[in-house]
Amino acid sequence: SFAVTITVNDVAPAALSYNMPNVYTVNSAIAALVPTVSGNNLSFSVAPSLPAGLSLDASTGQITGTPTSVTAEATYTVTASNTGGTTSFGISITVNDVAPISLTYTTPNVYTIGSAITALAPSITGNVTNYSVSPALPNGLVLNTTTGVISGLPTTITDTEIYTVTATNSGGSTSFGISITVNDIAPGTLLYNTPN
């Protein structure tokens, strides 16, 4: 007699895929990402770890949750395994910030050439990664692209114009139009020489 060892493995999984691309907003629950795959008795894993707040169900391969931090676009490799082998798929996931809203500044603003202005600070709701302005501010005035503060000393007489400041983050942008005028220095006391 002779003992024969026989192993019967599953058919190796194949054709694993997910919908792509996947762009989410921080603190908003995602619709479940359900895999398409052929094969039985599967277990799933992912590398690297999914963005904070998202999780992979090891038995179904579904990705669910509420992302809790902004995450740049990255590829996460999901692998489906059984006794017959493995198959993998790289899924692209991005988690954007909530777009900023309600940007405002004090307006209108009338300045005098050669006199430093009181800094104009924005009021805004949400995180901002960058501020920009169009058209360019009057000569001598500058926009801090990190804080959105406008400051400086105007050096050129400028007619009234609307300058559109835009606040941006990974989720989107919001804009506000500021009215700025730069006037000449008012004339001083007018004197005449008169005969005695």
N, C-alpha and C. Protein backbone atom coordinates (compact mmCIF):
# COMPACT_ATOMS: atom_id res chain seq x y z
N SER A 1 0.84 -1.19 0.00
CA SER A 1 0.00 0.00 0.00
C SER A 1 0.88 1.24 0.00
N PHE A 2 0.29 2.36 -0.38
CA PHE A 2 1.02 3.63 -0.43
C PHE A 2 0.04 4.77 -0.16
N ALA A 3 0.43 5.64 0.72
CA ALA A 3 -0.44 6.77 1.06
C ALA A 3 -0.24 7.88 0.04
N VAL A 4 -1.31 8.31 -0.58
CA VAL A 4 -1.25 9.37 -1.58
C VAL A 4 -1.86 10.64 -0.97
N THR A 5 -1.11 11.71 -1.02
CA THR A 5 -1.61 13.01 -0.55
C THR A 5 -2.18 13.79 -1.73
N ILE A 6 -3.43 14.17 -1.60
CA ILE A 6 -4.09 14.93 -2.67
C ILE A 6 -4.59 16.26 -2.12
N THR A 7 -4.28 17.32 -2.80
CA THR A 7 -4.78 18.65 -2.45
C THR A 7 -5.57 19.20 -3.63
N VAL A 8 -6.76 19.70 -3.36
CA VAL A 8 -7.57 20.33 -4.41
C VAL A 8 -7.69 21.82 -4.08
N ASN A 9 -7.06 22.65 -4.89
CA ASN A 9 -7.08 24.09 -4.66
C ASN A 9 -8.23 24.75 -5.40
N ASP A 10 -8.60 25.92 -4.92
CA ASP A 10 -9.58 26.72 -5.65
C ASP A 10 -8.98 27.16 -6.99
N VAL A 11 -9.87 27.51 -7.90
CA VAL A 11 -9.42 28.17 -9.12
C VAL A 11 -8.89 29.55 -8.71
N ALA A 12 -7.72 29.90 -9.17
CA ALA A 12 -7.12 31.18 -8.78
C ALA A 12 -8.04 32.34 -9.16
N PRO A 13 -8.15 33.34 -8.30
CA PRO A 13 -8.99 34.50 -8.64
C PRO A 13 -8.42 35.26 -9.82
N ALA A 14 -9.31 36.00 -10.52
CA ALA A 14 -8.87 36.75 -11.70
C ALA A 14 -9.77 37.96 -11.89
N ALA A 15 -9.30 38.87 -12.75
CA ALA A 15 -10.08 40.02 -13.21
C ALA A 15 -10.59 40.91 -12.08
N LEU A 16 -9.75 41.14 -11.08
CA LEU A 16 -10.13 42.04 -10.00
C LEU A 16 -10.11 43.48 -10.51
N SER A 17 -11.17 44.24 -10.19
CA SER A 17 -11.18 45.66 -10.56
C SER A 17 -12.15 46.43 -9.66
N TYR A 18 -11.95 47.73 -9.60
CA TYR A 18 -12.82 48.68 -8.90
C TYR A 18 -13.10 49.84 -9.84
N ASN A 19 -14.16 50.59 -9.55
CA ASN A 19 -14.41 51.81 -10.30
C ASN A 19 -13.26 52.79 -10.05
N MET A 20 -12.95 53.58 -11.08
CA MET A 20 -11.84 54.54 -10.97
C MET A 20 -12.19 55.78 -11.76
N PRO A 21 -11.58 56.95 -11.47
CA PRO A 21 -10.84 57.23 -10.24
C PRO A 21 -11.81 57.51 -9.11
N ASN A 22 -11.32 57.67 -7.91
CA ASN A 22 -12.16 57.90 -6.74
C ASN A 22 -11.67 59.15 -6.01
N VAL A 23 -12.46 60.22 -6.09
CA VAL A 23 -12.11 61.49 -5.47
C VAL A 23 -13.16 61.81 -4.42
N TYR A 24 -12.74 61.90 -3.17
CA TYR A 24 -13.65 62.11 -2.06
C TYR A 24 -13.36 63.42 -1.35
N THR A 25 -14.29 63.80 -0.45
CA THR A 25 -14.14 65.01 0.36
C THR A 25 -13.99 64.61 1.81
N VAL A 26 -13.03 65.22 2.50
CA VAL A 26 -12.78 64.90 3.89
C VAL A 26 -14.06 65.06 4.72
N ASN A 27 -14.26 64.13 5.64
CA ASN A 27 -15.40 64.12 6.57
C ASN A 27 -16.76 63.86 5.92
N SER A 28 -16.76 63.37 4.68
CA SER A 28 -18.01 62.97 4.02
C SER A 28 -17.95 61.47 3.71
N ALA A 29 -18.97 60.73 4.17
CA ALA A 29 -18.98 59.29 3.96
C ALA A 29 -18.97 58.96 2.46
N ILE A 30 -18.25 57.92 2.09
CA ILE A 30 -18.16 57.53 0.69
C ILE A 30 -19.21 56.45 0.39
N ALA A 31 -19.59 56.36 -0.88
CA ALA A 31 -20.41 55.23 -1.33
C ALA A 31 -19.48 54.02 -1.38
N ALA A 32 -19.97 52.88 -0.93
CA ALA A 32 -19.12 51.68 -0.87
C ALA A 32 -18.51 51.36 -2.23
N LEU A 33 -17.21 51.07 -2.23
CA LEU A 33 -16.52 50.63 -3.44
C LEU A 33 -16.55 49.10 -3.46
N VAL A 34 -17.29 48.56 -4.41
CA VAL A 34 -17.47 47.10 -4.48
C VAL A 34 -16.61 46.55 -5.61
N PRO A 35 -15.81 45.52 -5.33
CA PRO A 35 -14.94 44.98 -6.39
C PRO A 35 -15.69 44.09 -7.37
N THR A 36 -15.16 44.02 -8.57
CA THR A 36 -15.54 43.00 -9.54
C THR A 36 -14.40 42.00 -9.58
N VAL A 37 -14.70 40.71 -9.39
CA VAL A 37 -13.65 39.71 -9.36
C VAL A 37 -14.26 38.34 -9.60
N SER A 38 -13.50 37.44 -10.21
CA SER A 38 -13.94 36.05 -10.35
C SER A 38 -13.13 35.19 -9.39
N GLY A 39 -13.80 34.18 -8.82
CA GLY A 39 -13.12 33.29 -7.87
C GLY A 39 -13.96 33.07 -6.63
N ASN A 40 -13.65 32.01 -5.91
CA ASN A 40 -14.38 31.65 -4.69
C ASN A 40 -13.44 31.61 -3.50
N ASN A 41 -14.07 31.69 -2.31
CA ASN A 41 -13.31 31.58 -1.06
C ASN A 41 -12.17 32.61 -1.00
N LEU A 42 -12.53 33.86 -1.28
CA LEU A 42 -11.51 34.89 -1.39
C LEU A 42 -11.29 35.62 -0.07
N SER A 43 -10.08 36.09 0.10
CA SER A 43 -9.76 37.04 1.16
C SER A 43 -9.03 38.21 0.51
N PHE A 44 -9.22 39.40 1.10
CA PHE A 44 -8.68 40.61 0.48
C PHE A 44 -7.73 41.32 1.44
N SER A 45 -6.73 41.97 0.84
CA SER A 45 -5.80 42.80 1.62
C SER A 45 -5.44 44.01 0.76
N VAL A 46 -4.87 45.04 1.41
CA VAL A 46 -4.51 46.24 0.68
C VAL A 46 -3.18 46.79 1.20
N ALA A 47 -2.39 47.35 0.28
CA ALA A 47 -1.13 48.00 0.64
C ALA A 47 -0.89 49.16 -0.31
N PRO A 48 -0.43 50.31 0.18
CA PRO A 48 -0.29 50.66 1.60
C PRO A 48 -1.65 50.82 2.26
N SER A 49 -1.68 51.19 3.53
CA SER A 49 -2.95 51.38 4.23
C SER A 49 -3.79 52.45 3.55
N LEU A 50 -5.10 52.25 3.54
CA LEU A 50 -6.02 53.21 2.95
C LEU A 50 -5.98 54.54 3.73
N PRO A 51 -6.45 55.64 3.10
CA PRO A 51 -6.51 56.92 3.83
C PRO A 51 -7.27 56.77 5.14
N ALA A 52 -6.88 57.56 6.14
CA ALA A 52 -7.51 57.50 7.47
C ALA A 52 -9.02 57.61 7.35
N GLY A 53 -9.72 56.68 8.02
CA GLY A 53 -11.17 56.67 8.01
C GLY A 53 -11.78 55.69 7.02
N LEU A 54 -11.00 55.20 6.08
CA LEU A 54 -11.48 54.20 5.12
C LEU A 54 -10.96 52.82 5.50
N SER A 55 -11.75 51.80 5.22
CA SER A 55 -11.33 50.44 5.57
C SER A 55 -11.75 49.45 4.48
N LEU A 56 -11.01 48.37 4.41
CA LEU A 56 -11.26 47.29 3.46
C LEU A 56 -11.82 46.10 4.21
N ASP A 57 -12.97 45.58 3.75
CA ASP A 57 -13.54 44.36 4.33
C ASP A 57 -12.76 43.17 3.77
N ALA A 58 -12.08 42.44 4.66
CA ALA A 58 -11.19 41.37 4.22
C ALA A 58 -11.91 40.21 3.56
N SER A 59 -13.22 40.07 3.79
CA SER A 59 -13.94 38.95 3.19
C SER A 59 -14.70 39.32 1.92
N THR A 60 -15.09 40.61 1.78
CA THR A 60 -15.84 41.01 0.58
C THR A 60 -15.05 41.90 -0.36
N GLY A 61 -14.01 42.53 0.15
CA GLY A 61 -13.24 43.45 -0.68
C GLY A 61 -13.85 44.83 -0.79
N GLN A 62 -14.97 45.08 -0.11
CA GLN A 62 -15.60 46.39 -0.17
C GLN A 62 -14.78 47.41 0.63
N ILE A 63 -14.69 48.61 0.07
CA ILE A 63 -14.03 49.72 0.76
C ILE A 63 -15.11 50.71 1.19
N THR A 64 -15.14 51.02 2.47
CA THR A 64 -16.18 51.90 3.01
C THR A 64 -15.56 52.85 4.02
N GLY A 65 -16.38 53.80 4.50
CA GLY A 65 -15.95 54.67 5.59
C GLY A 65 -16.12 56.14 5.28
N THR A 66 -15.56 56.95 6.18
CA THR A 66 -15.57 58.40 6.06
C THR A 66 -14.15 58.90 6.19
N PRO A 67 -13.55 59.41 5.12
CA PRO A 67 -12.15 59.87 5.21
C PRO A 67 -12.02 61.04 6.17
N THR A 68 -11.00 61.00 7.00
CA THR A 68 -10.85 62.01 8.06
C THR A 68 -9.67 62.94 7.86
N SER A 69 -8.89 62.73 6.81
CA SER A 69 -7.77 63.65 6.56
C SER A 69 -7.56 63.81 5.06
N VAL A 70 -7.13 65.01 4.69
CA VAL A 70 -6.84 65.29 3.28
C VAL A 70 -5.67 64.42 2.85
N THR A 71 -5.81 63.77 1.69
CA THR A 71 -4.79 62.84 1.21
C THR A 71 -4.58 63.04 -0.28
N ALA A 72 -3.35 63.26 -0.68
CA ALA A 72 -3.04 63.42 -2.10
C ALA A 72 -3.36 62.14 -2.86
N GLU A 73 -3.57 62.28 -4.16
CA GLU A 73 -3.86 61.10 -4.98
C GLU A 73 -2.76 60.05 -4.81
N ALA A 74 -3.19 58.80 -4.59
CA ALA A 74 -2.24 57.70 -4.45
C ALA A 74 -2.90 56.43 -4.95
N THR A 75 -2.08 55.44 -5.24
CA THR A 75 -2.58 54.14 -5.70
C THR A 75 -2.44 53.12 -4.58
N TYR A 76 -3.56 52.44 -4.29
CA TYR A 76 -3.60 51.43 -3.23
C TYR A 76 -3.83 50.08 -3.90
N THR A 77 -2.94 49.13 -3.67
CA THR A 77 -3.02 47.83 -4.33
C THR A 77 -3.83 46.85 -3.49
N VAL A 78 -5.01 46.47 -4.01
CA VAL A 78 -5.86 45.48 -3.35
C VAL A 78 -5.55 44.12 -3.96
N THR A 79 -5.37 43.12 -3.10
CA THR A 79 -5.06 41.76 -3.55
C THR A 79 -6.13 40.81 -3.08
N ALA A 80 -6.67 40.03 -4.00
CA ALA A 80 -7.63 38.96 -3.69
C ALA A 80 -6.90 37.62 -3.73
N SER A 81 -7.08 36.80 -2.68
CA SER A 81 -6.33 35.55 -2.57
C SER A 81 -7.25 34.38 -2.24
N ASN A 82 -6.89 33.22 -2.71
CA ASN A 82 -7.47 31.95 -2.24
C ASN A 82 -6.39 30.88 -2.38
N THR A 83 -6.75 29.64 -2.15
CA THR A 83 -5.73 28.58 -2.18
C THR A 83 -5.12 28.38 -3.56
N GLY A 84 -5.79 28.92 -4.58
CA GLY A 84 -5.28 28.74 -5.94
C GLY A 84 -4.32 29.82 -6.39
N GLY A 85 -4.30 30.97 -5.67
CA GLY A 85 -3.39 32.03 -6.09
C GLY A 85 -3.93 33.40 -5.72
N THR A 86 -3.44 34.41 -6.40
CA THR A 86 -3.82 35.79 -6.09
C THR A 86 -4.01 36.58 -7.38
N THR A 87 -4.72 37.70 -7.24
CA THR A 87 -4.82 38.70 -8.30
C THR A 87 -4.89 40.06 -7.62
N SER A 88 -4.34 41.08 -8.27
CA SER A 88 -4.26 42.40 -7.65
C SER A 88 -4.77 43.49 -8.58
N PHE A 89 -5.14 44.62 -7.96
CA PHE A 89 -5.61 45.78 -8.73
C PHE A 89 -5.21 47.05 -7.99
N GLY A 90 -4.68 48.02 -8.71
CA GLY A 90 -4.30 49.30 -8.12
C GLY A 90 -5.44 50.30 -8.23
N ILE A 91 -5.97 50.73 -7.09
CA ILE A 91 -7.10 51.65 -7.08
C ILE A 91 -6.63 53.05 -6.69
N SER A 92 -7.02 54.04 -7.49
CA SER A 92 -6.63 55.43 -7.23
C SER A 92 -7.63 56.10 -6.31
N ILE A 93 -7.14 56.69 -5.22
CA ILE A 93 -8.00 57.38 -4.25
C ILE A 93 -7.38 58.73 -3.90
N THR A 94 -8.21 59.77 -3.92
CA THR A 94 -7.82 61.11 -3.51
C THR A 94 -8.84 61.61 -2.49
N VAL A 95 -8.37 62.24 -1.42
CA VAL A 95 -9.28 62.86 -0.45
C VAL A 95 -8.99 64.36 -0.43
N ASN A 96 -9.94 65.14 -0.93
CA ASN A 96 -9.77 66.59 -0.99
C ASN A 96 -10.34 67.27 0.25
N ASP A 97 -9.90 68.49 0.47
CA ASP A 97 -10.43 69.30 1.55
C ASP A 97 -11.83 69.79 1.16
N VAL A 98 -12.58 70.27 2.15
CA VAL A 98 -13.86 70.93 1.86
C VAL A 98 -13.52 72.28 1.25
N ALA A 99 -14.15 72.61 0.13
CA ALA A 99 -13.84 73.87 -0.55
C ALA A 99 -14.13 75.06 0.37
N PRO A 100 -13.27 76.09 0.35
CA PRO A 100 -13.53 77.27 1.19
C PRO A 100 -14.75 78.04 0.69
N ILE A 101 -15.42 78.77 1.59
CA ILE A 101 -16.59 79.56 1.23
C ILE A 101 -16.56 80.90 1.98
N SER A 102 -17.44 81.79 1.55
CA SER A 102 -17.71 83.05 2.27
C SER A 102 -16.49 83.94 2.41
N LEU A 103 -15.71 84.09 1.35
CA LEU A 103 -14.56 85.00 1.38
C LEU A 103 -15.06 86.44 1.28
N THR A 104 -14.61 87.30 2.19
CA THR A 104 -14.94 88.72 2.13
C THR A 104 -13.76 89.56 2.60
N TYR A 105 -13.73 90.80 2.15
CA TYR A 105 -12.80 91.83 2.62
C TYR A 105 -13.61 93.10 2.85
N THR A 106 -13.05 94.04 3.60
CA THR A 106 -13.63 95.36 3.70
C THR A 106 -13.56 96.03 2.32
N THR A 107 -14.64 96.62 1.86
CA THR A 107 -14.68 97.29 0.57
C THR A 107 -15.80 98.31 0.58
N PRO A 108 -15.69 99.46 -0.11
CA PRO A 108 -14.56 99.88 -0.94
C PRO A 108 -13.41 100.43 -0.11
N ASN A 109 -12.26 100.59 -0.76
CA ASN A 109 -11.06 101.07 -0.09
C ASN A 109 -10.45 102.21 -0.91
N VAL A 110 -10.33 103.38 -0.27
CA VAL A 110 -9.76 104.56 -0.93
C VAL A 110 -8.48 104.94 -0.20
N TYR A 111 -7.37 104.90 -0.93
CA TYR A 111 -6.06 105.17 -0.33
C TYR A 111 -5.44 106.42 -0.95
N THR A 112 -4.35 106.87 -0.31
CA THR A 112 -3.62 108.04 -0.80
C THR A 112 -2.21 107.61 -1.19
N ILE A 113 -1.78 108.07 -2.36
CA ILE A 113 -0.45 107.72 -2.84
C ILE A 113 0.60 108.11 -1.79
N GLY A 114 1.55 107.20 -1.57
CA GLY A 114 2.64 107.47 -0.65
C GLY A 114 2.33 107.26 0.82
N SER A 115 1.11 106.80 1.14
CA SER A 115 0.74 106.54 2.54
C SER A 115 0.47 105.05 2.72
N ALA A 116 1.16 104.45 3.71
CA ALA A 116 0.95 103.02 3.97
C ALA A 116 -0.50 102.76 4.33
N ILE A 117 -1.05 101.65 3.82
CA ILE A 117 -2.44 101.31 4.09
C ILE A 117 -2.55 100.46 5.35
N THR A 118 -3.72 100.49 5.96
CA THR A 118 -4.02 99.53 7.02
C THR A 118 -4.25 98.18 6.36
N ALA A 119 -3.55 97.15 6.82
CA ALA A 119 -3.63 95.84 6.16
C ALA A 119 -5.07 95.37 6.04
N LEU A 120 -5.39 94.84 4.86
CA LEU A 120 -6.71 94.26 4.59
C LEU A 120 -6.63 92.76 4.81
N ALA A 121 -7.31 92.25 5.82
CA ALA A 121 -7.28 90.81 6.12
C ALA A 121 -8.60 90.18 5.66
N PRO A 122 -8.55 88.97 5.10
CA PRO A 122 -9.77 88.32 4.63
C PRO A 122 -10.56 87.69 5.78
N SER A 123 -11.86 87.57 5.56
CA SER A 123 -12.71 86.73 6.40
C SER A 123 -13.14 85.57 5.53
N ILE A 124 -12.97 84.35 6.01
CA ILE A 124 -13.27 83.18 5.18
C ILE A 124 -13.61 81.99 6.05
N THR A 125 -14.40 81.09 5.50
CA THR A 125 -14.72 79.83 6.17
C THR A 125 -14.03 78.70 5.42
N GLY A 126 -13.22 77.91 6.14
CA GLY A 126 -12.54 76.78 5.52
C GLY A 126 -11.04 76.99 5.47
N ASN A 127 -10.33 75.91 5.12
CA ASN A 127 -8.88 75.96 4.99
C ASN A 127 -8.51 76.50 3.61
N VAL A 128 -7.44 77.27 3.56
CA VAL A 128 -6.97 77.83 2.29
C VAL A 128 -5.49 77.50 2.14
N THR A 129 -5.12 77.02 0.95
CA THR A 129 -3.70 76.73 0.69
C THR A 129 -3.04 77.82 -0.14
N ASN A 130 -3.86 78.63 -0.84
CA ASN A 130 -3.28 79.66 -1.69
C ASN A 130 -4.29 80.76 -1.99
N TYR A 131 -3.80 82.00 -1.97
CA TYR A 131 -4.59 83.15 -2.41
C TYR A 131 -3.95 83.72 -3.67
N SER A 132 -4.80 84.23 -4.57
CA SER A 132 -4.30 84.91 -5.77
C SER A 132 -5.22 86.10 -6.05
N VAL A 133 -4.74 87.02 -6.89
CA VAL A 133 -5.55 88.20 -7.21
C VAL A 133 -5.41 88.54 -8.69
N SER A 134 -6.50 89.04 -9.27
CA SER A 134 -6.50 89.46 -10.66
C SER A 134 -7.46 90.63 -10.81
N PRO A 135 -7.07 91.69 -11.53
CA PRO A 135 -5.73 91.93 -12.08
C PRO A 135 -4.73 92.23 -10.97
N ALA A 136 -3.49 92.55 -11.35
CA ALA A 136 -2.46 92.87 -10.36
C ALA A 136 -2.88 94.09 -9.55
N LEU A 137 -2.57 94.06 -8.26
CA LEU A 137 -2.91 95.18 -7.37
C LEU A 137 -2.16 96.45 -7.80
N PRO A 138 -2.66 97.62 -7.37
CA PRO A 138 -1.94 98.87 -7.67
C PRO A 138 -0.49 98.79 -7.20
N ASN A 139 0.39 99.50 -7.92
CA ASN A 139 1.82 99.48 -7.58
C ASN A 139 2.03 99.81 -6.11
N GLY A 140 2.84 98.98 -5.45
CA GLY A 140 3.15 99.19 -4.04
C GLY A 140 2.32 98.35 -3.10
N LEU A 141 1.22 97.80 -3.58
CA LEU A 141 0.40 96.92 -2.75
C LEU A 141 0.69 95.47 -3.09
N VAL A 142 0.68 94.61 -2.07
CA VAL A 142 0.99 93.19 -2.29
C VAL A 142 -0.03 92.31 -1.57
N LEU A 143 -0.26 91.15 -2.16
CA LEU A 143 -1.13 90.13 -1.55
C LEU A 143 -0.25 89.02 -1.01
N ASN A 144 -0.40 88.69 0.28
CA ASN A 144 0.30 87.54 0.85
C ASN A 144 -0.45 86.29 0.40
N THR A 145 0.19 85.46 -0.42
CA THR A 145 -0.50 84.32 -1.02
C THR A 145 -0.81 83.21 -0.02
N THR A 146 -0.23 83.30 1.18
CA THR A 146 -0.52 82.32 2.22
C THR A 146 -1.65 82.76 3.14
N THR A 147 -1.64 84.04 3.52
CA THR A 147 -2.63 84.53 4.49
C THR A 147 -3.77 85.31 3.85
N GLY A 148 -3.57 85.79 2.62
CA GLY A 148 -4.59 86.59 1.96
C GLY A 148 -4.59 88.05 2.37
N VAL A 149 -3.64 88.46 3.20
CA VAL A 149 -3.58 89.86 3.68
C VAL A 149 -3.00 90.75 2.57
N ILE A 150 -3.67 91.89 2.35
CA ILE A 150 -3.18 92.89 1.40
C ILE A 150 -2.57 94.04 2.21
N SER A 151 -1.34 94.42 1.86
CA SER A 151 -0.65 95.47 2.59
C SER A 151 0.25 96.24 1.64
N GLY A 152 0.90 97.27 2.18
CA GLY A 152 1.86 98.01 1.37
C GLY A 152 1.63 99.50 1.38
N LEU A 153 2.31 100.17 0.45
CA LEU A 153 2.25 101.62 0.32
C LEU A 153 2.05 101.94 -1.17
N PRO A 154 0.86 102.40 -1.55
CA PRO A 154 0.60 102.62 -2.98
C PRO A 154 1.50 103.72 -3.54
N THR A 155 2.04 103.48 -4.73
CA THR A 155 3.00 104.42 -5.32
C THR A 155 2.50 105.04 -6.62
N THR A 156 1.31 104.65 -7.05
CA THR A 156 0.77 105.17 -8.31
C THR A 156 -0.70 105.53 -8.13
N ILE A 157 -1.09 106.70 -8.64
CA ILE A 157 -2.51 107.06 -8.64
C ILE A 157 -3.26 106.04 -9.49
N THR A 158 -4.36 105.51 -8.95
CA THR A 158 -5.08 104.43 -9.65
C THR A 158 -6.57 104.68 -9.57
N ASP A 159 -7.22 104.67 -10.72
CA ASP A 159 -8.68 104.82 -10.74
C ASP A 159 -9.33 103.64 -10.02
N THR A 160 -10.56 103.84 -9.62
CA THR A 160 -11.30 102.77 -8.93
C THR A 160 -11.38 101.53 -9.82
N GLU A 161 -11.04 100.39 -9.24
CA GLU A 161 -11.10 99.12 -9.97
C GLU A 161 -11.42 98.00 -9.00
N ILE A 162 -12.03 96.95 -9.55
CA ILE A 162 -12.34 95.76 -8.75
C ILE A 162 -11.22 94.74 -8.94
N TYR A 163 -10.65 94.30 -7.81
CA TYR A 163 -9.58 93.29 -7.81
C TYR A 163 -10.15 92.01 -7.21
N THR A 164 -10.15 90.94 -7.99
CA THR A 164 -10.76 89.68 -7.56
C THR A 164 -9.74 88.79 -6.88
N VAL A 165 -9.94 88.58 -5.58
CA VAL A 165 -9.08 87.68 -4.81
C VAL A 165 -9.73 86.31 -4.79
N THR A 166 -8.95 85.27 -5.05
CA THR A 166 -9.45 83.89 -5.06
C THR A 166 -8.70 83.08 -4.00
N ALA A 167 -9.47 82.39 -3.15
CA ALA A 167 -8.91 81.49 -2.13
C ALA A 167 -9.13 80.05 -2.59
N THR A 168 -8.08 79.25 -2.54
CA THR A 168 -8.12 77.91 -3.13
C THR A 168 -7.59 76.86 -2.17
N ASN A 169 -8.18 75.67 -2.23
CA ASN A 169 -7.58 74.47 -1.62
C ASN A 169 -7.86 73.29 -2.54
N SER A 170 -7.53 72.08 -2.10
CA SER A 170 -7.68 70.92 -2.98
C SER A 170 -9.13 70.62 -3.35
N GLY A 171 -10.08 71.17 -2.56
CA GLY A 171 -11.49 70.91 -2.84
C GLY A 171 -12.14 71.91 -3.76
N GLY A 172 -11.51 73.07 -3.97
CA GLY A 172 -12.11 74.07 -4.85
C GLY A 172 -11.68 75.47 -4.46
N SER A 173 -12.47 76.47 -4.85
CA SER A 173 -12.09 77.85 -4.60
C SER A 173 -13.32 78.74 -4.42
N THR A 174 -13.08 79.94 -3.89
CA THR A 174 -14.11 80.95 -3.76
C THR A 174 -13.44 82.30 -3.99
N SER A 175 -14.21 83.28 -4.51
CA SER A 175 -13.62 84.56 -4.88
C SER A 175 -14.42 85.73 -4.31
N PHE A 176 -13.76 86.90 -4.25
CA PHE A 176 -14.42 88.12 -3.78
C PHE A 176 -13.77 89.31 -4.48
N GLY A 177 -14.59 90.27 -4.90
CA GLY A 177 -14.10 91.45 -5.58
C GLY A 177 -13.93 92.62 -4.61
N ILE A 178 -12.70 93.17 -4.55
CA ILE A 178 -12.39 94.29 -3.67
C ILE A 178 -12.25 95.56 -4.51
N SER A 179 -12.94 96.62 -4.10
CA SER A 179 -12.81 97.91 -4.77
C SER A 179 -11.67 98.70 -4.15
N ILE A 180 -10.71 99.10 -4.98
CA ILE A 180 -9.56 99.88 -4.51
C ILE A 180 -9.36 101.09 -5.40
N THR A 181 -9.17 102.24 -4.76
CA THR A 181 -8.85 103.49 -5.44
C THR A 181 -7.62 104.10 -4.77
N VAL A 182 -6.70 104.63 -5.57
CA VAL A 182 -5.54 105.34 -5.01
C VAL A 182 -5.58 106.77 -5.53
N ASN A 183 -5.81 107.71 -4.62
CA ASN A 183 -5.90 109.12 -4.97
C ASN A 183 -4.56 109.83 -4.77
N ASP A 184 -4.47 111.01 -5.40
CA ASP A 184 -3.30 111.86 -5.21
C ASP A 184 -3.37 112.48 -3.81
N ILE A 185 -2.25 113.04 -3.37
CA ILE A 185 -2.22 113.76 -2.09
C ILE A 185 -3.04 115.04 -2.24
N ALA A 186 -3.90 115.31 -1.28
CA ALA A 186 -4.71 116.52 -1.34
C ALA A 186 -3.81 117.75 -1.28
N PRO A 187 -4.16 118.80 -2.05
CA PRO A 187 -3.32 120.00 -2.00
C PRO A 187 -3.32 120.63 -0.62
N GLY A 188 -2.20 121.26 -0.25
CA GLY A 188 -2.09 121.92 1.05
C GLY A 188 -2.66 123.33 1.00
N THR A 189 -2.31 124.12 1.97
CA THR A 189 -2.81 125.50 2.06
C THR A 189 -2.25 126.34 0.91
N LEU A 190 -3.13 127.03 0.22
CA LEU A 190 -2.72 127.87 -0.90
C LEU A 190 -2.38 129.27 -0.38
N LEU A 191 -1.18 129.74 -0.67
CA LEU A 191 -0.72 131.06 -0.19
C LEU A 191 -0.35 131.94 -1.36
N TYR A 192 -0.61 133.22 -1.23
CA TYR A 192 -0.19 134.23 -2.21
C TYR A 192 0.65 135.28 -1.50
N ASN A 193 1.64 135.76 -2.19
CA ASN A 193 2.37 136.91 -1.66
C ASN A 193 1.58 138.17 -2.00
N THR A 194 1.33 138.95 -0.99
CA THR A 194 0.57 140.20 -1.23
C THR A 194 1.42 141.41 -0.84
N PRO A 195 1.29 142.51 -1.58
CA PRO A 195 2.10 143.70 -1.24
C PRO A 195 1.64 144.31 0.08
N ASN A 196 2.55 144.84 0.81
CA ASN A 196 2.21 145.52 2.09
C ASN A 196 1.54 146.85 1.84
